[in-house]
Structures are given as structure tokens and as C-alpha cells.
PDB file of N, CA and C in Angstrom:
ATOM      1  N   UNK A   1      12.696  38.183  26.975  1.00  0.00           N
ATOM      2  CA  UNK A   1      12.405  39.280  26.226  1.00  0.00           C
ATOM      3  C   UNK A   1      13.640  40.649  26.126  1.00  0.00           C
ATOM      4  N   UNK A   2      14.231  40.493  24.616  1.00  0.00           N
ATOM      5  CA  UNK A   2      15.194  41.219  25.419  1.00  0.00           C
ATOM      6  C   UNK A   2      14.380  42.727  24.413  1.00  0.00           C
ATOM      7  N   UNK A   3      14.822  43.772  24.739  1.00  0.00           N
ATOM      8  CA  UNK A   3      14.048  44.750  24.825  1.00  0.00           C
ATOM      9  C   UNK A   3      15.441  45.780  24.383  1.00  0.00           C
ATOM     10  N   UNK A   4      15.763  46.536  23.147  1.00  0.00           N
ATOM     11  CA  UNK A   4      16.791  47.567  22.770  1.00  0.00           C
ATOM     12  C   UNK A   4      15.973  49.269  22.236  1.00  0.00           C
ATOM     13  N   UNK A   5      16.958  49.853  22.518  1.00  0.00           N
ATOM     14  CA  UNK A   5      16.637  51.691  22.652  1.00  0.00           C
ATOM     15  C   UNK A   5      17.787  51.779  22.120  1.00  0.00           C
ATOM     16  N   UNK A   6      17.718  52.278  20.928  1.00  0.00           N
ATOM     17  CA  UNK A   6      18.998  52.785  19.733  1.00  0.00           C
ATOM     18  C   UNK A   6      17.841  54.050  19.838  1.00  0.00           C
ATOM     19  N   UNK A   7      18.512  55.196  20.053  1.00  0.00           N
ATOM     20  CA  UNK A   7      18.597  56.217  20.220  1.00  0.00           C
ATOM     21  C   UNK A   7      20.420  57.135  19.391  1.00  0.00           C
ATOM     22  N   UNK A   8      19.384  57.598  18.370  1.00  0.00           N
ATOM     23  CA  UNK A   8      19.538  58.303  17.031  1.00  0.00           C
ATOM     24  C   UNK A   8      20.729  59.948  17.572  1.00  0.00           C
ATOM     25  N   UNK A   9      19.803  60.146  17.798  1.00  0.00           N
ATOM     26  CA  UNK A   9      19.748  61.486  18.072  1.00  0.00           C
ATOM     27  C   UNK A   9      19.050  62.019  20.346  1.00  0.00           C
ATOM     28  N   UNK A  10      18.874  63.558  20.325  1.00  0.00           N
ATOM     29  CA  UNK A  10      19.031  63.964  21.323  1.00  0.00           C
ATOM     30  C   UNK A  10      17.435  64.703  21.602  1.00  0.00           C
ATOM     31  N   UNK A  11      16.389  64.554  20.390  1.00  0.00           N
ATOM     32  CA  UNK A  11      15.540  64.891  20.588  1.00  0.00           C
ATOM     33  C   UNK A  11      14.819  63.588  20.806  1.00  0.00           C
ATOM     34  N   UNK A  12      14.691  62.769  21.308  1.00  0.00           N
ATOM     35  CA  UNK A  12      14.357  61.529  21.260  1.00  0.00           C
ATOM     36  C   UNK A  12      14.690  60.622  23.021  1.00  0.00           C
ATOM     37  N   UNK A  13      14.151  60.842  24.081  1.00  0.00           N
ATOM     38  CA  UNK A  13      13.739  60.450  24.908  1.00  0.00           C
ATOM     39  C   UNK A  13      14.024  59.038  25.607  1.00  0.00           C
ATOM     40  N   UNK A  14      15.151  58.672  25.780  1.00  0.00           N
ATOM     41  CA  UNK A  14      15.716  56.793  25.259  1.00  0.00           C
ATOM     42  C   UNK A  14      14.102  55.995  26.801  1.00  0.00           C
ATOM     43  N   UNK A  15      13.844  56.495  27.279  1.00  0.00           N
ATOM     44  CA  UNK A  15      12.477  55.490  28.264  1.00  0.00           C
ATOM     45  C   UNK A  15      10.845  55.807  27.345  1.00  0.00           C
ATOM     46  N   UNK A  16      11.634  56.645  26.189  1.00  0.00           N
ATOM     47  CA  UNK A  16       9.915  56.952  25.109  1.00  0.00           C
ATOM     48  C   UNK A  16      10.149  55.695  24.738  1.00  0.00           C
ATOM     49  N   UNK A  17      11.503  55.109  23.725  1.00  0.00           N
ATOM     50  CA  UNK A  17      11.544  54.414  23.393  1.00  0.00           C
ATOM     51  C   UNK A  17      11.264  53.079  23.590  1.00  0.00           C
ATOM     52  N   UNK A  18      11.973  52.947  25.044  1.00  0.00           N
ATOM     53  CA  UNK A  18      11.615  51.622  25.116  1.00  0.00           C
ATOM     54  C   UNK A  18      10.273  51.152  25.499  1.00  0.00           C
ATOM     55  N   UNK A  19       9.678  51.910  26.294  1.00  0.00           N
ATOM     56  CA  UNK A  19       8.261  51.987  25.682  1.00  0.00           C
ATOM     57  C   UNK A  19       7.384  51.913  25.149  1.00  0.00           C
ATOM     58  N   UNK A  20       7.639  52.010  23.657  1.00  0.00           N
ATOM     59  CA  UNK A  20       7.307  51.568  22.693  1.00  0.00           C
ATOM     60  C   UNK A  20       7.995  50.478  22.495  1.00  0.00           C
ATOM     61  N   UNK A  21       8.800  50.048  22.418  1.00  0.00           N
ATOM     62  CA  UNK A  21       9.702  48.667  22.025  1.00  0.00           C
ATOM     63  C   UNK A  21       8.834  47.664  23.297  1.00  0.00           C
ATOM     64  N   UNK A  22       8.607  47.637  25.117  1.00  0.00           N
ATOM     65  CA  UNK A  22       7.527  47.375  25.334  1.00  0.00           C
ATOM     66  C   UNK A  22       6.139  46.963  24.498  1.00  0.00           C
ATOM     67  N   UNK A  23       5.807  48.428  24.460  1.00  0.00           N
ATOM     68  CA  UNK A  23       4.019  48.341  23.365  1.00  0.00           C
ATOM     69  C   UNK A  23       4.262  47.173  22.022  1.00  0.00           C
ATOM     70  N   UNK A  24       4.964  47.589  21.702  1.00  0.00           N
ATOM     71  CA  UNK A  24       5.065  46.730  20.320  1.00  0.00           C
ATOM     72  C   UNK A  24       5.959  44.835  20.730  1.00  0.00           C
ATOM     73  N   UNK A  25       5.617  44.991  22.480  1.00  0.00           N
ATOM     74  CA  UNK A  25       5.597  43.393  22.020  1.00  0.00           C
ATOM     75  C   UNK A  25       4.192  42.950  22.786  1.00  0.00           C
ATOM     76  N   UNK A  26       3.287  43.262  23.257  1.00  0.00           N
ATOM     77  CA  UNK A  26       1.505  43.114  23.456  1.00  0.00           C
ATOM     78  C   UNK A  26       1.329  43.257  22.152  1.00  0.00           C
ATOM     79  N   UNK A  27       1.517  43.392  20.809  1.00  0.00           N
ATOM     80  CA  UNK A  27       0.724  43.291  19.597  1.00  0.00           C
ATOM     81  C   UNK A  27       0.296  42.418  19.313  1.00  0.00           C
ATOM     82  N   UNK A  28      -0.139  43.099  18.230  1.00  0.00           N
ATOM     83  CA  UNK A  28      -0.558  41.505  16.702  1.00  0.00           C
ATOM     84  C   UNK A  28       0.611  41.489  15.885  1.00  0.00           C
ATOM     85  N   UNK A  29       1.163  40.525  16.433  1.00  0.00           N
ATOM     86  CA  UNK A  29       2.180  40.379  15.195  1.00  0.00           C
ATOM     87  C   UNK A  29       1.601  39.552  13.660  1.00  0.00           C
ATOM     88  N   UNK A  30      -0.477  39.060  13.399  1.00  0.00           N
ATOM     89  CA  UNK A  30      -0.810  38.756  12.601  1.00  0.00           C
ATOM     90  C   UNK A  30      -1.005  39.807  11.847  1.00  0.00           C
ATOM     91  N   UNK A  31      -0.222  39.672  10.898  1.00  0.00           N
ATOM     92  CA  UNK A  31      -0.995  41.479   9.145  1.00  0.00           C
ATOM     93  C   UNK A  31      -1.632  40.282   8.340  1.00  0.00           C
ATOM     94  N   UNK A  32      -2.398  38.830   8.034  1.00  0.00           N
ATOM     95  CA  UNK A  32      -2.453  39.000   6.956  1.00  0.00           C
ATOM     96  C   UNK A  32      -3.740  38.935   7.148  1.00  0.00           C
ATOM     97  N   UNK A  33      -4.266  39.489   8.001  1.00  0.00           N
ATOM     98  CA  UNK A  33      -5.764  39.894   8.660  1.00  0.00           C
ATOM     99  C   UNK A  33      -6.180  41.423   8.082  1.00  0.00           C
ATOM    100  N   UNK A  34      -4.537  42.252   8.330  1.00  0.00           N
ATOM    101  CA  UNK A  34      -5.115  43.657   8.038  1.00  0.00           C
ATOM    102  C   UNK A  34      -5.054  43.846   6.992  1.00  0.00           C
ATOM    103  N   UNK A  35      -4.708  45.184   6.428  1.00  0.00           N
ATOM    104  CA  UNK A  35      -3.641  46.376   5.771  1.00  0.00           C
ATOM    105  C   UNK A  35      -2.403  46.945   7.180  1.00  0.00           C
ATOM    106  N   UNK A  36      -1.470  46.645   5.993  1.00  0.00           N
ATOM    107  CA  UNK A  36      -0.759  47.528   6.503  1.00  0.00           C
ATOM    108  C   UNK A  36      -0.578  48.788   7.239  1.00  0.00           C
ATOM    109  N   UNK A  37      -0.386  49.716   8.151  1.00  0.00           N
ATOM    110  CA  UNK A  37      -0.337  50.612   7.681  1.00  0.00           C
ATOM    111  C   UNK A  37       1.230  51.496   8.727  1.00  0.00           C
ATOM    112  N   UNK A  38       1.822  51.309   8.449  1.00  0.00           N
ATOM    113  CA  UNK A  38       3.124  52.838   8.040  1.00  0.00           C
ATOM    114  C   UNK A  38       3.319  53.740   7.731  1.00  0.00           C
ATOM    115  N   UNK A  39       3.855  55.022   8.220  1.00  0.00           N
ATOM    116  CA  UNK A  39       4.075  55.785   8.509  1.00  0.00           C
ATOM    117  C   UNK A  39       5.534  57.070   8.361  1.00  0.00           C
ATOM    118  N   UNK A  40       5.372  57.989   7.821  1.00  0.00           N
ATOM    119  CA  UNK A  40       6.890  58.691   7.848  1.00  0.00           C
ATOM    120  C   UNK A  40       6.530  59.550   7.807  1.00  0.00           C
ATOM    121  N   UNK A  41       7.495  60.936   9.193  1.00  0.00           N
ATOM    122  CA  UNK A  41       7.112  61.801   9.484  1.00  0.00           C
ATOM    123  C   UNK A  41       8.357  62.047  10.143  1.00  0.00           C
ATOM    124  N   UNK A  42       9.010  63.372   9.664  1.00  0.00           N
ATOM    125  CA  UNK A  42       8.198  64.185   8.979  1.00  0.00           C
ATOM    126  C   UNK A  42       8.039  63.628   7.724  1.00  0.00           C
ATOM    127  N   UNK A  43       7.573  64.119   6.286  1.00  0.00           N
ATOM    128  CA  UNK A  43       8.254  63.758   5.912  1.00  0.00           C
ATOM    129  C   UNK A  43       7.826  64.843   4.049  1.00  0.00           C
ATOM    130  N   UNK A  44       8.846  65.599   3.819  1.00  0.00           N
ATOM    131  CA  UNK A  44      10.155  65.815   3.862  1.00  0.00           C
ATOM    132  C   UNK A  44      11.038  66.189   5.095  1.00  0.00           C
ATOM    133  N   UNK A  45      12.109  65.345   5.425  1.00  0.00           N
ATOM    134  CA  UNK A  45      12.420  65.642   6.612  1.00  0.00           C
ATOM    135  C   UNK A  45      14.169  66.380   6.395  1.00  0.00           C
ATOM    136  N   UNK A  46      14.001  67.438   7.520  1.00  0.00           N
ATOM    137  CA  UNK A  46      15.795  68.137   7.530  1.00  0.00           C
ATOM    138  C   UNK A  46      16.461  67.001   8.564  1.00  0.00           C
ATOM    139  N   UNK A  47      16.098  66.509   9.821  1.00  0.00           N
ATOM    140  CA  UNK A  47      17.117  65.789  10.491  1.00  0.00           C
ATOM    141  C   UNK A  47      16.339  64.869  11.498  1.00  0.00           C
ATOM    142  N   UNK A  48      15.312  64.825  11.718  1.00  0.00           N
ATOM    143  CA  UNK A  48      14.966  62.966  12.628  1.00  0.00           C
ATOM    144  C   UNK A  48      13.549  62.607  11.998  1.00  0.00           C
ATOM    145  N   UNK A  49      14.081  61.000  11.463  1.00  0.00           N
ATOM    146  CA  UNK A  49      12.943  60.681  10.979  1.00  0.00           C
ATOM    147  C   UNK A  49      11.773  59.678  12.183  1.00  0.00           C
ATOM    148  N   UNK A  50      10.841  59.311  12.131  1.00  0.00           N
ATOM    149  CA  UNK A  50       9.984  58.180  12.651  1.00  0.00           C
ATOM    150  C   UNK A  50       9.247  57.699  11.963  1.00  0.00           C
ATOM    151  N   UNK A  51       9.659  56.256  11.920  1.00  0.00           N
ATOM    152  CA  UNK A  51       8.693  55.498  11.222  1.00  0.00           C
ATOM    153  C   UNK A  51       7.445  54.423  12.195  1.00  0.00           C
ATOM    154  N   UNK A  52       6.567  54.961  11.684  1.00  0.00           N
ATOM    155  CA  UNK A  52       5.557  54.010  12.056  1.00  0.00           C
ATOM    156  C   UNK A  52       4.731  53.007  12.197  1.00  0.00           C
ATOM    157  N   UNK A  53       3.861  52.524  13.043  1.00  0.00           N
ATOM    158  CA  UNK A  53       3.568  50.772  12.285  1.00  0.00           C
ATOM    159  C   UNK A  53       2.406  51.323  13.367  1.00  0.00           C
ATOM    160  N   UNK A  54       0.818  50.764  12.834  1.00  0.00           N
ATOM    161  CA  UNK A  54       0.157  50.591  13.628  1.00  0.00           C
ATOM    162  C   UNK A  54      -0.701  49.618  13.307  1.00  0.00           C
ATOM    163  N   UNK A  55       0.077  48.287  12.697  1.00  0.00           N
ATOM    164  CA  UNK A  55      -0.439  46.720  13.308  1.00  0.00           C
ATOM    165  C   UNK A  55       0.595  46.088  12.432  1.00  0.00           C
ATOM    166  N   UNK A  56       1.980  46.574  12.614  1.00  0.00           N
ATOM    167  CA  UNK A  56       2.744  45.323  12.521  1.00  0.00           C
ATOM    168  C   UNK A  56       3.731  45.173  13.962  1.00  0.00           C
ATOM    169  N   UNK A  57       4.633  44.698  13.697  1.00  0.00           N
ATOM    170  CA  UNK A  57       5.990  44.482  14.457  1.00  0.00           C
ATOM    171  C   UNK A  57       7.341  44.483  13.566  1.00  0.00           C
ATOM    172  N   UNK A  58       7.902  46.002  12.885  1.00  0.00           N
ATOM    173  CA  UNK A  58       8.962  46.186  12.787  1.00  0.00           C
ATOM    174  C   UNK A  58      10.461  45.545  12.750  1.00  0.00           C
ATOM    175  N   UNK A  59      11.434  44.816  12.211  1.00  0.00           N
ATOM    176  CA  UNK A  59      12.664  44.838  13.427  1.00  0.00           C
ATOM    177  C   UNK A  59      14.046  44.884  12.347  1.00  0.00           C
ATOM    178  N   UNK A  60      13.274  45.517  11.118  1.00  0.00           N
ATOM    179  CA  UNK A  60      15.113  45.869   9.993  1.00  0.00           C
ATOM    180  C   UNK A  60      14.478  46.503   8.864  1.00  0.00           C
ATOM    181  N   UNK A  61      14.934  47.403   8.571  1.00  0.00           N
ATOM    182  CA  UNK A  61      15.368  48.524   7.429  1.00  0.00           C
ATOM    183  C   UNK A  61      16.290  48.683   6.207  1.00  0.00           C
ATOM    184  N   UNK A  62      15.908  49.267   5.712  1.00  0.00           N
ATOM    185  CA  UNK A  62      16.862  49.253   4.211  1.00  0.00           C
ATOM    186  C   UNK A  62      16.794  50.346   3.496  1.00  0.00           C
ATOM    187  N   UNK A  63      18.150  51.609   3.128  1.00  0.00           N
ATOM    188  CA  UNK A  63      17.310  52.700   2.939  1.00  0.00           C
ATOM    189  C   UNK A  63      18.131  52.702   1.828  1.00  0.00           C
ATOM    190  N   UNK A  64      17.775  53.050   0.311  1.00  0.00           N
ATOM    191  CA  UNK A  64      17.901  53.176  -0.702  1.00  0.00           C
ATOM    192  C   UNK A  64      18.345  54.774  -1.437  1.00  0.00           C
ATOM    193  N   UNK A  65      18.906  55.005  -1.911  1.00  0.00           N
ATOM    194  CA  UNK A  65      18.881  56.232  -2.491  1.00  0.00           C
ATOM    195  C   UNK A  65      18.384  56.384  -4.071  1.00  0.00           C
ATOM    196  N   UNK A  66      18.121  57.564  -4.380  1.00  0.00           N
ATOM    197  CA  UNK A  66      17.238  56.991  -5.592  1.00  0.00           C
ATOM    198  C   UNK A  66      17.722  56.467  -6.956  1.00  0.00           C
ATOM    199  N   UNK A  67      19.181  56.088  -6.972  1.00  0.00           N
ATOM    200  CA  UNK A  67      19.419  55.551  -7.743  1.00  0.00           C
ATOM    201  C   UNK A  67      19.694  53.684  -7.549  1.00  0.00           C
ATOM    202  N   UNK A  68      18.881  53.387  -6.396  1.00  0.00           N
ATOM    203  CA  UNK A  68      18.594  51.991  -6.052  1.00  0.00           C
ATOM    204  C   UNK A  68      20.391  51.642  -4.772  1.00  0.00           C
ATOM    205  N   UNK A  69      20.847  52.477  -4.788  1.00  0.00           N
ATOM    206  CA  UNK A  69      22.392  51.992  -4.384  1.00  0.00           C
ATOM    207  C   UNK A  69      21.767  52.008  -2.322  1.00  0.00           C
ATOM    208  N   UNK A  70      22.177  51.171  -1.965  1.00  0.00           N
ATOM    209  CA  UNK A  70      22.001  50.694  -0.074  1.00  0.00           C
ATOM    210  C   UNK A  70      22.871  51.922   0.160  1.00  0.00           C
ATOM    211  N   UNK A  71      21.941  52.651   1.005  1.00  0.00           N
ATOM    212  CA  UNK A  71      22.261  53.594   1.703  1.00  0.00           C
ATOM    213  C   UNK A  71      22.999  53.226   3.407  1.00  0.00           C
ATOM    214  N   UNK A  72      22.180  53.038   4.209  1.00  0.00           N
ATOM    215  CA  UNK A  72      21.656  51.997   5.198  1.00  0.00           C
ATOM    216  C   UNK A  72      21.297  51.088   5.863  1.00  0.00           C
ATOM    217  N   UNK A  73      21.251  50.077   6.507  1.00  0.00           N
ATOM    218  CA  UNK A  73      20.925  48.984   6.815  1.00  0.00           C
ATOM    219  C   UNK A  73      20.437  48.948   8.299  1.00  0.00           C
ATOM    220  N   UNK A  74      20.089  48.243   8.738  1.00  0.00           N
ATOM    221  CA  UNK A  74      20.358  47.940   9.845  1.00  0.00           C
ATOM    222  C   UNK A  74      19.205  46.680   9.890  1.00  0.00           C
ATOM    223  N   UNK A  75      19.253  45.399  10.887  1.00  0.00           N
ATOM    224  CA  UNK A  75      18.163  44.327  11.268  1.00  0.00           C
ATOM    225  C   UNK A  75      18.610  44.009  11.816  1.00  0.00           C
ATOM    226  N   UNK A  76      17.738  42.634  12.824  1.00  0.00           N
ATOM    227  CA  UNK A  76      17.729  42.249  14.327  1.00  0.00           C
ATOM    228  C   UNK A  76      17.862  42.491  14.750  1.00  0.00           C
ATOM    229  N   UNK A  77      16.911  44.393  15.097  1.00  0.00           N
ATOM    230  CA  UNK A  77      17.069  44.580  16.212  1.00  0.00           C
ATOM    231  C   UNK A  77      15.334  43.609  16.318  1.00  0.00           C
ATOM    232  N   UNK A  78      14.882  44.296  18.430  1.00  0.00           N
ATOM    233  CA  UNK A  78      13.927  44.129  18.172  1.00  0.00           C
ATOM    234  C   UNK A  78      12.734  44.239  17.587  1.00  0.00           C
ATOM    235  N   UNK A  79      12.218  43.963  17.713  1.00  0.00           N
ATOM    236  CA  UNK A  79      10.477  44.143  16.930  1.00  0.00           C
ATOM    237  C   UNK A  79      10.207  45.699  18.038  1.00  0.00           C
ATOM    238  N   UNK A  80       9.870  45.823  16.557  1.00  0.00           N
ATOM    239  CA  UNK A  80       9.369  47.477  17.521  1.00  0.00           C
ATOM    240  C   UNK A  80       7.746  48.161  16.244  1.00  0.00           C
ATOM    241  N   UNK A  81       6.869  48.880  16.449  1.00  0.00           N
ATOM    242  CA  UNK A  81       6.196  49.952  15.964  1.00  0.00           C
ATOM    243  C   UNK A  81       6.635  51.398  16.050  1.00  0.00           C
ATOM    244  N   UNK A  82       8.221  51.833  16.476  1.00  0.00           N
ATOM    245  CA  UNK A  82       8.474  52.501  15.909  1.00  0.00           C
ATOM    246  C   UNK A  82      10.100  52.820  15.286  1.00  0.00           C
ATOM    247  N   UNK A  83      10.565  53.279  14.656  1.00  0.00           N
ATOM    248  CA  UNK A  83      11.771  52.995  14.324  1.00  0.00           C
ATOM    249  C   UNK A  83      12.458  54.870  13.846  1.00  0.00           C
ATOM    250  N   UNK A  84      13.141  55.110  14.739  1.00  0.00           N
ATOM    251  CA  UNK A  84      14.162  56.341  14.876  1.00  0.00           C
ATOM    252  C   UNK A  84      14.749  56.783  14.060  1.00  0.00           C
ATOM    253  N   UNK A  85      15.179  57.397  12.980  1.00  0.00           N
ATOM    254  CA  UNK A  85      16.055  57.737  12.582  1.00  0.00           C
ATOM    255  C   UNK A  85      16.707  59.179  11.832  1.00  0.00           C
ATOM    256  N   UNK A  86      17.640  58.961  11.980  1.00  0.00           N
ATOM    257  CA  UNK A  86      18.985  60.642  12.395  1.00  0.00           C
ATOM    258  C   UNK A  86      19.711  60.803  10.501  1.00  0.00           C
ATOM    259  N   UNK A  87      18.664  61.371   9.546  1.00  0.00           N
ATOM    260  CA  UNK A  87      18.932  61.861   8.326  1.00  0.00           C
ATOM    261  C   UNK A  87      19.573  63.261   8.582  1.00  0.00           C
ATOM    262  N   UNK A  88      20.176  63.874   9.216  1.00  0.00           N
ATOM    263  CA  UNK A  88      20.690  65.134   9.290  1.00  0.00           C
ATOM    264  C   UNK A  88      22.131  65.031   8.115  1.00  0.00           C
ATOM    265  N   UNK A  89      23.008  64.264   8.017  1.00  0.00           N
ATOM    266  CA  UNK A  89      23.834  63.961   7.376  1.00  0.00           C
ATOM    267  C   UNK A  89      23.795  63.150   5.233  1.00  0.00           C
ATOM    268  N   UNK A  90      22.478  62.571   5.834  1.00  0.00           N
ATOM    269  CA  UNK A  90      21.671  62.613   4.406  1.00  0.00           C
ATOM    270  C   UNK A  90      22.316  64.499   3.359  1.00  0.00           C
ATOM    271  N   UNK A  91      22.737  63.999   1.883  1.00  0.00           N
ATOM    272  CA  UNK A  91      22.581  64.565   0.963  1.00  0.00           C
ATOM    273  C   UNK A  91      20.632  65.225   0.718  1.00  0.00           C
ATOM    274  N   UNK A  92      20.723  66.345   0.208  1.00  0.00           N
ATOM    275  CA  UNK A  92      19.166  67.149  -0.039  1.00  0.00           C
ATOM    276  C   UNK A  92      19.323  65.474  -1.488  1.00  0.00           C
ATOM    277  N   UNK A  93      17.874  64.605  -1.153  1.00  0.00           N
ATOM    278  CA  UNK A  93      17.325  64.026  -2.290  1.00  0.00           C
ATOM    279  C   UNK A  93      16.045  63.106  -1.359  1.00  0.00           C
ATOM    280  N   UNK A  94      15.811  62.233  -2.787  1.00  0.00           N
ATOM    281  CA  UNK A  94      14.883  61.449  -2.317  1.00  0.00           C
ATOM    282  C   UNK A  94      15.218  59.535  -2.728  1.00  0.00           C
ATOM    283  N   UNK A  95      14.993  58.950  -2.106  1.00  0.00           N
ATOM    284  CA  UNK A  95      15.354  58.194  -0.433  1.00  0.00           C
ATOM    285  C   UNK A  95      14.223  56.677  -0.317  1.00  0.00           C
ATOM    286  N   UNK A  96      14.567  55.916  -0.606  1.00  0.00           N
ATOM    287  CA  UNK A  96      13.532  54.745  -0.752  1.00  0.00           C
ATOM    288  C   UNK A  96      13.453  53.367   1.257  1.00  0.00           C
ATOM    289  N   UNK A  97      12.987  53.487   2.010  1.00  0.00           N
ATOM    290  CA  UNK A  97      13.020  53.098   3.202  1.00  0.00           C
ATOM    291  C   UNK A  97      12.276  51.878   3.012  1.00  0.00           C
ATOM    292  N   UNK A  98      12.570  50.467   3.050  1.00  0.00           N
ATOM    293  CA  UNK A  98      12.029  48.903   2.515  1.00  0.00           C
ATOM    294  C   UNK A  98      12.119  49.062   4.331  1.00  0.00           C
ATOM    295  N   UNK A  99      10.925  48.585   4.553  1.00  0.00           N
ATOM    296  CA  UNK A  99      10.983  48.009   6.335  1.00  0.00           C
ATOM    297  C   UNK A  99      10.710  46.916   5.922  1.00  0.00           C
ATOM    298  N   UNK A 100      11.246  46.057   7.233  1.00  0.00           N
ATOM    299  CA  UNK A 100      10.614  44.225   6.720  1.00  0.00           C
ATOM    300  C   UNK A 100      10.704  43.756   8.594  1.00  0.00           C
ATOM    301  N   UNK A 101       9.518  43.550   8.476  1.00  0.00           N
ATOM    302  CA  UNK A 101       9.072  42.397   9.208  1.00  0.00           C
ATOM    303  C   UNK A 101       9.141  40.853   9.516  1.00  0.00           C
ATOM    304  N   UNK A 102       9.755  40.213  11.001  1.00  0.00           N
ATOM    305  CA  UNK A 102       9.846  38.527  10.154  1.00  0.00           C
ATOM    306  C   UNK A 102      10.257  38.118   8.761  1.00  0.00           C
ATOM    307  N   UNK A 103      11.613  38.937   8.482  1.00  0.00           N
ATOM    308  CA  UNK A 103      12.140  38.179   7.726  1.00  0.00           C
ATOM    309  C   UNK A 103      12.183  38.236   6.188  1.00  0.00           C
ATOM    310  N   UNK A 104      10.424  39.021   6.359  1.00  0.00           N
ATOM    311  CA  UNK A 104      10.329  39.619   4.950  1.00  0.00           C
ATOM    312  C   UNK A 104       9.942  40.936   4.864  1.00  0.00           C
ATOM    313  N   UNK A 105       9.388  42.020   3.921  1.00  0.00           N
ATOM    314  CA  UNK A 105       9.570  42.745   3.385  1.00  0.00           C
ATOM    315  C   UNK A 105       8.751  42.990   2.896  1.00  0.00           C
ATOM    316  N   UNK A 106       7.052  44.204   4.230  1.00  0.00           N
ATOM    317  CA  UNK A 106       6.296  44.276   4.964  1.00  0.00           C
ATOM    318  C   UNK A 106       5.741  45.512   4.057  1.00  0.00           C
ATOM    319  N   UNK A 107       6.684  46.011   3.321  1.00  0.00           N
ATOM    320  CA  UNK A 107       6.133  48.148   2.622  1.00  0.00           C
ATOM    321  C   UNK A 107       8.102  48.937   2.921  1.00  0.00           C
ATOM    322  N   UNK A 108       8.063  49.456   0.853  1.00  0.00           N
ATOM    323  CA  UNK A 108       8.631  50.401   0.833  1.00  0.00           C
ATOM    324  C   UNK A 108       7.980  51.731   0.662  1.00  0.00           C
ATOM    325  N   UNK A 109       8.368  52.731   1.809  1.00  0.00           N
ATOM    326  CA  UNK A 109       8.176  53.795   1.142  1.00  0.00           C
ATOM    327  C   UNK A 109       8.940  55.010   1.208  1.00  0.00           C
ATOM    328  N   UNK A 110       8.579  56.249   0.663  1.00  0.00           N
ATOM    329  CA  UNK A 110       9.593  56.768  -0.451  1.00  0.00           C
ATOM    330  C   UNK A 110       9.961  58.216   0.709  1.00  0.00           C
ATOM    331  N   UNK A 111      10.980  58.531   1.108  1.00  0.00           N
ATOM    332  CA  UNK A 111      11.902  59.696   1.977  1.00  0.00           C
ATOM    333  C   UNK A 111      11.751  61.180   1.230  1.00  0.00           C
ATOM    334  N   UNK A 112      12.119  62.114   1.644  1.00  0.00           N
ATOM    335  CA  UNK A 112      12.443  63.025   1.026  1.00  0.00           C
ATOM    336  C   UNK A 112      13.515  63.900   2.169  1.00  0.00           C
ATOM    337  N   UNK A 113      14.375  64.045   1.882  1.00  0.00           N
ATOM    338  CA  UNK A 113      15.256  64.844   2.776  1.00  0.00           C
ATOM    339  C   UNK A 113      15.105  66.230   1.933  1.00  0.00           C
ATOM    340  N   UNK A 114      15.538  67.377   2.725  1.00  0.00           N
ATOM    341  CA  UNK A 114      15.723  68.911   2.735  1.00  0.00           C
ATOM    342  C   UNK A 114      17.443  69.118   2.879  1.00  0.00           C
TER     343      UNK A 114
END
């Protein structure tokens, strides 16, 4: 098992992120029978964002601006139920976050950065 803790902010505790990563490995990976439940909070955001998944594992994401230009991409990290993002340096505006699991897109959500 490979558990990595990726922290982009001093607000999140590494041990909590490690626990989330471990807990995610214990979850059910089969989303075929369940509706995908992913939330982004806070939204609108100023500094930090947490993408939470209740019933599926996430292992990559892409963030696009309102024009469809790829802004940020992170792939092939250990599957998890929580992704922590730092959006302090993002210009104010509307972004779209595409979340992936098992090399397929799970969902795309809108994020507003103030």
C-alpha cells in the first residue's frame, strides 16, 4: 500500500490527510450501484478548498477556467476520499473541476473563487 500526504497549505494537518487516505483504501470502489456524491467546500472560496467524496475513490483532477483552458492538473496520486486544494493564487472567477477515479471521469463541478 502506498499512502502519500499532499499538503498545499498550513491549515490542514498531515496526519489527518494520512488518516483520510488510509480510510479511503477501506471504502467501496464500486460506484456502479451508487450515485456519485462529491462536494466542494467552501464554494465560493478564497483560500482553500476541500473536495469530498462520500462513496467513490478519487485519484486525479483537472481544473479549467471559464474559457476551458487547463489551469491545474494532478494525476495518479493514491486514491482518496478528500482532495485539498490551495486556490489563493487563482484569479477571481469561475472554474470547473473534473474529478477522476480509476482513469475515468467521475464528475465535473463548478468552483467560484473570490
